[in-house]
Amino acid sequence: MKNRLSVTFEGASAEILERLAKERGGKGEVLRDALSLENVYVTATKRGAEILIREADGTLKQLVRI
């Protein structure tokens, strides 16, 4: 199933989208990845799980949605 979507990004969000699109191969790819990560986050936190990031020095930081 395909869905077309029109979204307007402004300011910092537009800049981030442009930068990531250059790195990832396109805006669609960035948005698909973001949707996938959001699904993982929501599914895990509904179960009471925490999402952690392990920094290069080994410290852990909790990912908190703002």
PDB file of N, CA and C in Angstrom:
ATOM      1  N   MET A   1       0.839  -1.172   0.000  1.00  0.00           N
ATOM      2  CA  MET A   1       0.000   0.000   0.000  1.00  0.00           C
ATOM      3  C   MET A   1       0.891   1.244   0.000  1.00  0.00           C
ATOM      4  N   LYS A   2       0.568   2.190  -0.843  1.00  0.00           N
ATOM      5  CA  LYS A   2       1.316   3.441  -0.921  1.00  0.00           C
ATOM      6  C   LYS A   2       0.456   4.585  -0.429  1.00  0.00           C
ATOM      7  N   ASN A   3       1.088   5.507   0.266  1.00  0.00           N
ATOM      8  CA  ASN A   3       0.432   6.730   0.716  1.00  0.00           C
ATOM      9  C   ASN A   3       1.307   7.908   0.341  1.00  0.00           C
ATOM     10  N   ARG A   4       0.720   8.916  -0.256  1.00  0.00           N
ATOM     11  CA  ARG A   4       1.444  10.161  -0.540  1.00  0.00           C
ATOM     12  C   ARG A   4       1.101  11.147   0.560  1.00  0.00           C
ATOM     13  N   LEU A   5       2.085  11.945   0.905  1.00  0.00           N
ATOM     14  CA  LEU A   5       1.917  12.871   2.013  1.00  0.00           C
ATOM     15  C   LEU A   5       2.615  14.178   1.670  1.00  0.00           C
ATOM     16  N   SER A   6       1.980  15.275   1.994  1.00  0.00           N
ATOM     17  CA  SER A   6       2.595  16.583   1.810  1.00  0.00           C
ATOM     18  C   SER A   6       2.792  17.206   3.186  1.00  0.00           C
ATOM     19  N   VAL A   7       4.043  17.499   3.519  1.00  0.00           N
ATOM     20  CA  VAL A   7       4.375  18.051   4.827  1.00  0.00           C
ATOM     21  C   VAL A   7       5.287  19.256   4.624  1.00  0.00           C
ATOM     22  N   THR A   8       5.066  20.297   5.405  1.00  0.00           N
ATOM     23  CA  THR A   8       5.923  21.474   5.349  1.00  0.00           C
ATOM     24  C   THR A   8       6.834  21.487   6.567  1.00  0.00           C
ATOM     25  N   PHE A   9       8.125  21.575   6.321  1.00  0.00           N
ATOM     26  CA  PHE A   9       9.112  21.688   7.392  1.00  0.00           C
ATOM     27  C   PHE A   9       9.701  23.085   7.332  1.00  0.00           C
ATOM     28  N   GLU A  10       9.877  23.703   8.496  1.00  0.00           N
ATOM     29  CA  GLU A  10      10.443  25.046   8.560  1.00  0.00           C
ATOM     30  C   GLU A  10      11.571  25.082   9.580  1.00  0.00           C
ATOM     31  N   GLY A  11      12.425  26.073   9.448  1.00  0.00           N
ATOM     32  CA  GLY A  11      13.467  26.323  10.438  1.00  0.00           C
ATOM     33  C   GLY A  11      14.409  25.159  10.639  1.00  0.00           C
ATOM     34  N   ALA A  12      14.676  24.876  11.917  1.00  0.00           N
ATOM     35  CA  ALA A  12      15.640  23.839  12.274  1.00  0.00           C
ATOM     36  C   ALA A  12      15.228  22.475  11.734  1.00  0.00           C
ATOM     37  N   SER A  13      13.934  22.178  11.743  1.00  0.00           N
ATOM     38  CA  SER A  13      13.469  20.883  11.230  1.00  0.00           C
ATOM     39  C   SER A  13      13.795  20.731   9.753  1.00  0.00           C
ATOM     40  N   ALA A  14      13.620  21.791   8.988  1.00  0.00           N
ATOM     41  CA  ALA A  14      13.925  21.751   7.555  1.00  0.00           C
ATOM     42  C   ALA A  14      15.417  21.557   7.327  1.00  0.00           C
ATOM     43  N   GLU A  15      16.236  22.237   8.125  1.00  0.00           N
ATOM     44  CA  GLU A  15      17.688  22.106   7.999  1.00  0.00           C
ATOM     45  C   GLU A  15      18.149  20.690   8.340  1.00  0.00           C
ATOM     46  N   ILE A  16      17.589  20.134   9.397  1.00  0.00           N
ATOM     47  CA  ILE A  16      17.945  18.768   9.794  1.00  0.00           C
ATOM     48  C   ILE A  16      17.533  17.788   8.707  1.00  0.00           C
ATOM     49  N   LEU A  17      16.328  17.951   8.182  1.00  0.00           N
ATOM     50  CA  LEU A  17      15.850  17.059   7.125  1.00  0.00           C
ATOM     51  C   LEU A  17      16.764  17.129   5.906  1.00  0.00           C
ATOM     52  N   GLU A  18      17.159  18.317   5.501  1.00  0.00           N
ATOM     53  CA  GLU A  18      18.047  18.476   4.343  1.00  0.00           C
ATOM     54  C   GLU A  18      19.394  17.795   4.582  1.00  0.00           C
ATOM     55  N   ARG A  19      19.970  18.020   5.763  1.00  0.00           N
ATOM     56  CA  ARG A  19      21.275  17.423   6.084  1.00  0.00           C
ATOM     57  C   ARG A  19      21.200  15.902   6.087  1.00  0.00           C
ATOM     58  N   LEU A  20      20.181  15.371   6.749  1.00  0.00           N
ATOM     59  CA  LEU A  20      20.034  13.916   6.808  1.00  0.00           C
ATOM     60  C   LEU A  20      19.736  13.326   5.435  1.00  0.00           C
ATOM     61  N   ALA A  21      18.961  14.036   4.631  1.00  0.00           N
ATOM     62  CA  ALA A  21      18.627  13.549   3.287  1.00  0.00           C
ATOM     63  C   ALA A  21      19.888  13.412   2.439  1.00  0.00           C
ATOM     64  N   LYS A  22      20.814  14.341   2.578  1.00  0.00           N
ATOM     65  CA  LYS A  22      22.079  14.253   1.840  1.00  0.00           C
ATOM     66  C   LYS A  22      22.891  13.042   2.288  1.00  0.00           C
ATOM     67  N   GLU A  23      22.845  12.735   3.580  1.00  0.00           N
ATOM     68  CA  GLU A  23      23.601  11.608   4.132  1.00  0.00           C
ATOM     69  C   GLU A  23      22.933  10.266   3.842  1.00  0.00           C
ATOM     70  N   ARG A  24      21.609  10.245   3.785  1.00  0.00           N
ATOM     71  CA  ARG A  24      20.866   8.986   3.722  1.00  0.00           C
ATOM     72  C   ARG A  24      20.308   8.655   2.346  1.00  0.00           C
ATOM     73  N   GLY A  25      20.370   9.591   1.410  1.00  0.00           N
ATOM     74  CA  GLY A  25      19.902   9.271   0.070  1.00  0.00           C
ATOM     75  C   GLY A  25      18.539   9.819  -0.298  1.00  0.00           C
ATOM     76  N   GLY A  26      17.963  10.640   0.538  1.00  0.00           N
ATOM     77  CA  GLY A  26      16.698  11.265   0.182  1.00  0.00           C
ATOM     78  C   GLY A  26      15.797  11.487   1.385  1.00  0.00           C
ATOM     79  N   LYS A  27      14.869  12.414   1.213  1.00  0.00           N
ATOM     80  CA  LYS A  27      13.949  12.746   2.296  1.00  0.00           C
ATOM     81  C   LYS A  27      13.027  11.585   2.636  1.00  0.00           C
ATOM     82  N   GLY A  28      12.589  10.861   1.616  1.00  0.00           N
ATOM     83  CA  GLY A  28      11.720   9.711   1.866  1.00  0.00           C
ATOM     84  C   GLY A  28      12.392   8.680   2.748  1.00  0.00           C
ATOM     85  N   GLU A  29      13.660   8.415   2.480  1.00  0.00           N
ATOM     86  CA  GLU A  29      14.421   7.445   3.282  1.00  0.00           C
ATOM     87  C   GLU A  29      14.538   7.919   4.728  1.00  0.00           C
ATOM     88  N   VAL A  30      14.811   9.202   4.913  1.00  0.00           N
ATOM     89  CA  VAL A  30      14.917   9.763   6.263  1.00  0.00           C
ATOM     90  C   VAL A  30      13.594   9.612   7.001  1.00  0.00           C
ATOM     91  N   LEU A  31      12.496   9.935   6.344  1.00  0.00           N
ATOM     92  CA  LEU A  31      11.187   9.855   6.996  1.00  0.00           C
ATOM     93  C   LEU A  31      10.774   8.416   7.275  1.00  0.00           C
ATOM     94  N   ARG A  32      11.105   7.488   6.376  1.00  0.00           N
ATOM     95  CA  ARG A  32      10.807   6.068   6.635  1.00  0.00           C
ATOM     96  C   ARG A  32      11.599   5.564   7.837  1.00  0.00           C
ATOM     97  N   ASP A  33      12.877   5.942   7.911  1.00  0.00           N
ATOM     98  CA  ASP A  33      13.700   5.542   9.055  1.00  0.00           C
ATOM     99  C   ASP A  33      13.161   6.138  10.352  1.00  0.00           C
ATOM    100  N   ALA A  34      12.756   7.408  10.298  1.00  0.00           N
ATOM    101  CA  ALA A  34      12.217   8.072  11.484  1.00  0.00           C
ATOM    102  C   ALA A  34      10.941   7.382  11.964  1.00  0.00           C
ATOM    103  N   LEU A  35      10.087   7.000  11.035  1.00  0.00           N
ATOM    104  CA  LEU A  35       8.852   6.306  11.379  1.00  0.00           C
ATOM    105  C   LEU A  35       9.145   4.950  12.011  1.00  0.00           C
ATOM    106  N   SER A  36      10.110   4.251  11.459  1.00  0.00           N
ATOM    107  CA  SER A  36      10.501   2.953  12.003  1.00  0.00           C
ATOM    108  C   SER A  36      11.046   3.093  13.425  1.00  0.00           C
ATOM    109  N   LEU A  37      11.911   4.086  13.643  1.00  0.00           N
ATOM    110  CA  LEU A  37      12.463   4.310  14.980  1.00  0.00           C
ATOM    111  C   LEU A  37      11.384   4.743  15.966  1.00  0.00           C
ATOM    112  N   GLU A  38      10.454   5.558  15.521  1.00  0.00           N
ATOM    113  CA  GLU A  38       9.345   5.978  16.386  1.00  0.00           C
ATOM    114  C   GLU A  38       8.503   4.772  16.799  1.00  0.00           C
ATOM    115  N   ASN A  39       8.283   3.859  15.869  1.00  0.00           N
ATOM    116  CA  ASN A  39       7.531   2.647  16.174  1.00  0.00           C
ATOM    117  C   ASN A  39       8.247   1.810  17.232  1.00  0.00           C
ATOM    118  N   VAL A  40       9.553   1.659  17.098  1.00  0.00           N
ATOM    119  CA  VAL A  40      10.341   0.915  18.094  1.00  0.00           C
ATOM    120  C   VAL A  40      10.232   1.599  19.450  1.00  0.00           C
ATOM    121  N   TYR A  41      10.386   2.919  19.469  1.00  0.00           N
ATOM    122  CA  TYR A  41      10.334   3.681  20.716  1.00  0.00           C
ATOM    123  C   TYR A  41       8.979   3.527  21.407  1.00  0.00           C
ATOM    124  N   VAL A  42       7.901   3.749  20.670  1.00  0.00           N
ATOM    125  CA  VAL A  42       6.559   3.682  21.251  1.00  0.00           C
ATOM    126  C   VAL A  42       6.244   2.272  21.739  1.00  0.00           C
ATOM    127  N   THR A  43       6.561   1.275  20.926  1.00  0.00           N
ATOM    128  CA  THR A  43       6.295  -0.112  21.305  1.00  0.00           C
ATOM    129  C   THR A  43       7.046  -0.485  22.577  1.00  0.00           C
ATOM    130  N   ALA A  44       8.314  -0.109  22.654  1.00  0.00           N
ATOM    131  CA  ALA A  44       9.133  -0.450  23.821  1.00  0.00           C
ATOM    132  C   ALA A  44       8.674   0.294  25.069  1.00  0.00           C
ATOM    133  N   THR A  45       8.417   1.585  24.950  1.00  0.00           N
ATOM    134  CA  THR A  45       8.040   2.349  26.135  1.00  0.00           C
ATOM    135  C   THR A  45       6.649   1.975  26.640  1.00  0.00           C
ATOM    136  N   LYS A  46       5.773   1.517  25.768  1.00  0.00           N
ATOM    137  CA  LYS A  46       4.466   1.022  26.221  1.00  0.00           C
ATOM    138  C   LYS A  46       4.623  -0.206  27.109  1.00  0.00           C
ATOM    139  N   ARG A  47       5.677  -0.982  26.862  1.00  0.00           N
ATOM    140  CA  ARG A  47       5.961  -2.164  27.686  1.00  0.00           C
ATOM    141  C   ARG A  47       6.700  -1.790  28.968  1.00  0.00           C
ATOM    142  N   GLY A  48       7.039  -0.520  29.116  1.00  0.00           N
ATOM    143  CA  GLY A  48       7.777  -0.071  30.290  1.00  0.00           C
ATOM    144  C   GLY A  48       9.285  -0.100  30.104  1.00  0.00           C
ATOM    145  N   ALA A  49       9.739  -0.355  28.893  1.00  0.00           N
ATOM    146  CA  ALA A  49      11.177  -0.415  28.618  1.00  0.00           C
ATOM    147  C   ALA A  49      11.758   0.990  28.508  1.00  0.00           C
ATOM    148  N   GLU A  50      13.069   1.078  28.682  1.00  0.00           N
ATOM    149  CA  GLU A  50      13.808   2.313  28.465  1.00  0.00           C
ATOM    150  C   GLU A  50      14.682   2.129  27.235  1.00  0.00           C
ATOM    151  N   ILE A  51      14.901   3.201  26.502  1.00  0.00           N
ATOM    152  CA  ILE A  51      15.795   3.183  25.350  1.00  0.00           C
ATOM    153  C   ILE A  51      17.082   3.873  25.792  1.00  0.00           C
ATOM    154  N   LEU A  52      18.200   3.157  25.696  1.00  0.00           N
ATOM    155  CA  LEU A  52      19.480   3.681  26.161  1.00  0.00           C
ATOM    156  C   LEU A  52      20.460   3.823  25.009  1.00  0.00           C
ATOM    157  N   ILE A  53      21.321   4.830  25.127  1.00  0.00           N
ATOM    158  CA  ILE A  53      22.400   5.039  24.167  1.00  0.00           C
ATOM    159  C   ILE A  53      23.704   4.836  24.915  1.00  0.00           C
ATOM    160  N   ARG A  54      24.544   3.952  24.394  1.00  0.00           N
ATOM    161  CA  ARG A  54      25.859   3.749  24.997  1.00  0.00           C
ATOM    162  C   ARG A  54      26.848   4.624  24.240  1.00  0.00           C
ATOM    163  N   GLU A  55      27.438   5.583  24.954  1.00  0.00           N
ATOM    164  CA  GLU A  55      28.423   6.480  24.358  1.00  0.00           C
ATOM    165  C   GLU A  55      29.727   5.729  24.120  1.00  0.00           C
ATOM    166  N   ALA A  56      30.608   6.324  23.333  1.00  0.00           N
ATOM    167  CA  ALA A  56      31.891   5.693  23.010  1.00  0.00           C
ATOM    168  C   ALA A  56      32.709   5.396  24.263  1.00  0.00           C
ATOM    169  N   ASP A  57      32.543   6.213  25.310  1.00  0.00           N
ATOM    170  CA  ASP A  57      33.303   5.986  26.546  1.00  0.00           C
ATOM    171  C   ASP A  57      32.628   4.977  27.475  1.00  0.00           C
ATOM    172  N   GLY A  58      31.504   4.403  27.038  1.00  0.00           N
ATOM    173  CA  GLY A  58      30.815   3.377  27.814  1.00  0.00           C
ATOM    174  C   GLY A  58      29.681   3.888  28.679  1.00  0.00           C
ATOM    175  N   THR A  59      29.550   5.192  28.832  1.00  0.00           N
ATOM    176  CA  THR A  59      28.459   5.712  29.648  1.00  0.00           C
ATOM    177  C   THR A  59      27.127   5.509  28.930  1.00  0.00           C
ATOM    178  N   LEU A  60      26.082   5.335  29.736  1.00  0.00           N
ATOM    179  CA  LEU A  60      24.741   5.142  29.196  1.00  0.00           C
ATOM    180  C   LEU A  60      23.911   6.398  29.422  1.00  0.00           C
ATOM    181  N   LYS A  61      23.127   6.743  28.405  1.00  0.00           N
ATOM    182  CA  LYS A  61      22.194   7.857  28.513  1.00  0.00           C
ATOM    183  C   LYS A  61      20.831   7.364  28.063  1.00  0.00           C
ATOM    184  N   GLN A  62      19.803   7.749  28.822  1.00  0.00           N
ATOM    185  CA  GLN A  62      18.451   7.359  28.457  1.00  0.00           C
ATOM    186  C   GLN A  62      17.922   8.297  27.383  1.00  0.00           C
ATOM    187  N   LEU A  63      17.322   7.711  26.353  1.00  0.00           N
ATOM    188  CA  LEU A  63      16.694   8.498  25.295  1.00  0.00           C
ATOM    189  C   LEU A  63      15.312   8.913  25.779  1.00  0.00           C
ATOM    190  N   VAL A  64      15.087  10.215  25.853  1.00  0.00           N
ATOM    191  CA  VAL A  64      13.811  10.756  26.308  1.00  0.00           C
ATOM    192  C   VAL A  64      13.249  11.617  25.192  1.00  0.00           C
ATOM    193  N   ARG A  65      12.027  11.343  24.817  1.00  0.00           N
ATOM    194  CA  ARG A  65      11.387  12.114  23.750  1.00  0.00           C
ATOM    195  C   ARG A  65      10.989  13.484  24.283  1.00  0.00           C
ATOM    196  N   ILE A  66      11.253  14.514  23.489  1.00  0.00           N
ATOM    197  CA  ILE A  66      10.911  15.877  23.923  1.00  0.00           C
ATOM    198  C   ILE A  66       9.755  16.398  23.108  1.00  0.00           C
TER     199      ILE A  66
END
